[in-house]
C-alpha atoms as a PDB file:
ATOM      1  CA  MET A   1    -165.887 -63.842  16.005  1.00  0.00           C
ATOM      2  CA  THR A   2    -167.304 -64.990  12.691  1.00  0.00           C
ATOM      3  CA  VAL A   3    -165.237 -64.284   9.605  1.00  0.00           C
ATOM      4  CA  TYR A   4    -164.988 -65.717   6.113  1.00  0.00           C
ATOM      5  CA  GLN A   5    -162.052 -67.217   4.253  1.00  0.00           C
ATOM      6  CA  MET A   6    -162.049 -66.752   0.509  1.00  0.00           C
ATOM      7  CA  LEU A   7    -161.626 -69.925  -1.541  1.00  0.00           C
ATOM      8  CA  LYS A   8    -161.241 -68.021  -4.819  1.00  0.00           C
ATOM      9  CA  ASN A   9    -159.966 -64.593  -5.853  1.00  0.00           C
ATOM     10  CA  ILE A  10    -162.733 -62.024  -6.328  1.00  0.00           C
ATOM     11  CA  HIS A  11    -162.346 -58.624  -7.988  1.00  0.00           C
ATOM     12  CA  VAL A  12    -165.225 -56.192  -7.415  1.00  0.00           C
ATOM     13  CA  VAL A  13    -165.608 -53.022  -9.454  1.00  0.00           C
ATOM     14  CA  THR A  14    -168.125 -50.371  -8.437  1.00  0.00           C
ATOM     15  CA  TYR A  15    -168.627 -46.807  -9.506  1.00  0.00           C
ATOM     16  CA  GLU A  16    -166.678 -45.617  -6.457  1.00  0.00           C
ATOM     17  CA  ALA A  17    -163.876 -48.174  -6.061  1.00  0.00           C
ATOM     18  CA  GLN A  18    -162.184 -51.417  -7.009  1.00  0.00           C
ATOM     19  CA  VAL A  19    -161.689 -54.066  -4.324  1.00  0.00           C
ATOM     20  CA  ASN A  20    -159.826 -57.378  -4.355  1.00  0.00           C
ATOM     21  CA  PHE A  21    -160.586 -60.321  -2.099  1.00  0.00           C
ATOM     22  CA  PHE A  22    -157.780 -62.857  -2.255  1.00  0.00           C
ATOM     23  CA  GLU A  23    -157.904 -66.644  -1.950  1.00  0.00           C
ATOM     24  CA  LYS A  24    -157.010 -67.931   1.544  1.00  0.00           C
ATOM     25  CA  GLU A  25    -157.364 -64.470   3.121  1.00  0.00           C
ATOM     26  CA  ILE A  26    -159.797 -63.855   5.980  1.00  0.00           C
ATOM     27  CA  TYR A  27    -162.421 -61.089   5.810  1.00  0.00           C
ATOM     28  CA  LYS A  28    -165.125 -59.732   8.091  1.00  0.00           C
ATOM     29  CA  GLU A  29    -168.716 -59.819   6.863  1.00  0.00           C
ATOM     30  CA  SER A  30    -168.747 -56.013   6.942  1.00  0.00           C
ATOM     31  CA  GLU A  31    -165.803 -55.882   4.510  1.00  0.00           C
ATOM     32  CA  LEU A  32    -167.677 -58.086   2.064  1.00  0.00           C
ATOM     33  CA  ALA A  33    -170.873 -56.081   2.529  1.00  0.00           C
ATOM     34  CA  ASP A  34    -168.984 -52.837   1.838  1.00  0.00           C
ATOM     35  CA  ALA A  35    -168.210 -54.287  -1.610  1.00  0.00           C
ATOM     36  CA  PHE A  36    -171.925 -55.154  -2.068  1.00  0.00           C
ATOM     37  CA  LEU A  37    -171.270 -58.901  -1.750  1.00  0.00           C
ATOM     38  CA  ASP A  38    -173.878 -61.192  -0.186  1.00  0.00           C
ATOM     39  CA  VAL A  39    -172.115 -63.663   2.138  1.00  0.00           C
ATOM     40  CA  GLN A  40    -174.904 -66.229   1.878  1.00  0.00           C
ATOM     41  CA  LEU A  41    -174.603 -66.297  -1.917  1.00  0.00           C
ATOM     42  CA  LEU A  42    -170.813 -66.576  -1.703  1.00  0.00           C
ATOM     43  CA  LEU A  43    -171.129 -69.512   0.707  1.00  0.00           C
ATOM     44  CA  LYS A  44    -173.697 -71.241  -1.506  1.00  0.00           C
ATOM     45  CA  ALA A  45    -171.480 -70.793  -4.587  1.00  0.00           C
ATOM     46  CA  GLY A  46    -168.435 -72.172  -2.765  1.00  0.00           C
ATOM     47  CA  VAL A  47    -166.494 -68.930  -3.082  1.00  0.00           C
ATOM     48  CA  CYS A  48    -165.837 -68.621   0.650  1.00  0.00           C
ATOM     49  CA  LYS A  49    -166.204 -70.580   3.863  1.00  0.00           C
ATOM     50  CA  LEU A  50    -167.228 -69.700   7.387  1.00  0.00           C
ATOM     51  CA  VAL A  51    -164.426 -69.476   9.971  1.00  0.00           C
ATOM     52  CA  VAL A  52    -164.982 -68.974  13.700  1.00  0.00           C
ATOM     53  CA  MET A  53    -162.102 -67.268  15.471  1.00  0.00           C
ATOM     54  CA  ASP A  54    -161.456 -66.944  19.192  1.00  0.00           C
ATOM     55  CA  LYS A  55    -160.001 -63.442  19.152  1.00  0.00           C
ATOM     56  CA  GLU A  56    -160.985 -60.208  17.477  1.00  0.00           C
ATOM     57  CA  ILE A  57    -159.305 -59.122  14.246  1.00  0.00           C
ATOM     58  CA  ASN A  58    -158.526 -55.401  14.081  1.00  0.00           C
ATOM     59  CA  ARG A  59    -158.323 -53.944  10.597  1.00  0.00           C
ATOM     60  CA  GLU A  60    -157.986 -50.299   9.784  1.00  0.00           C
END
């Protein structure tokens, strides 16, 4: 499974919600996309890094 570890804290504010992504926490690409964040831009800016995990992460 491919997930991303945040290297910095990010606070996203949209019309519908506010979302925090915390440094050192692991997030699925879909969680970042739900906050309208582009993973490729985050990687390029050094805000997160790619992590490959052996088992599935279940988040509700």
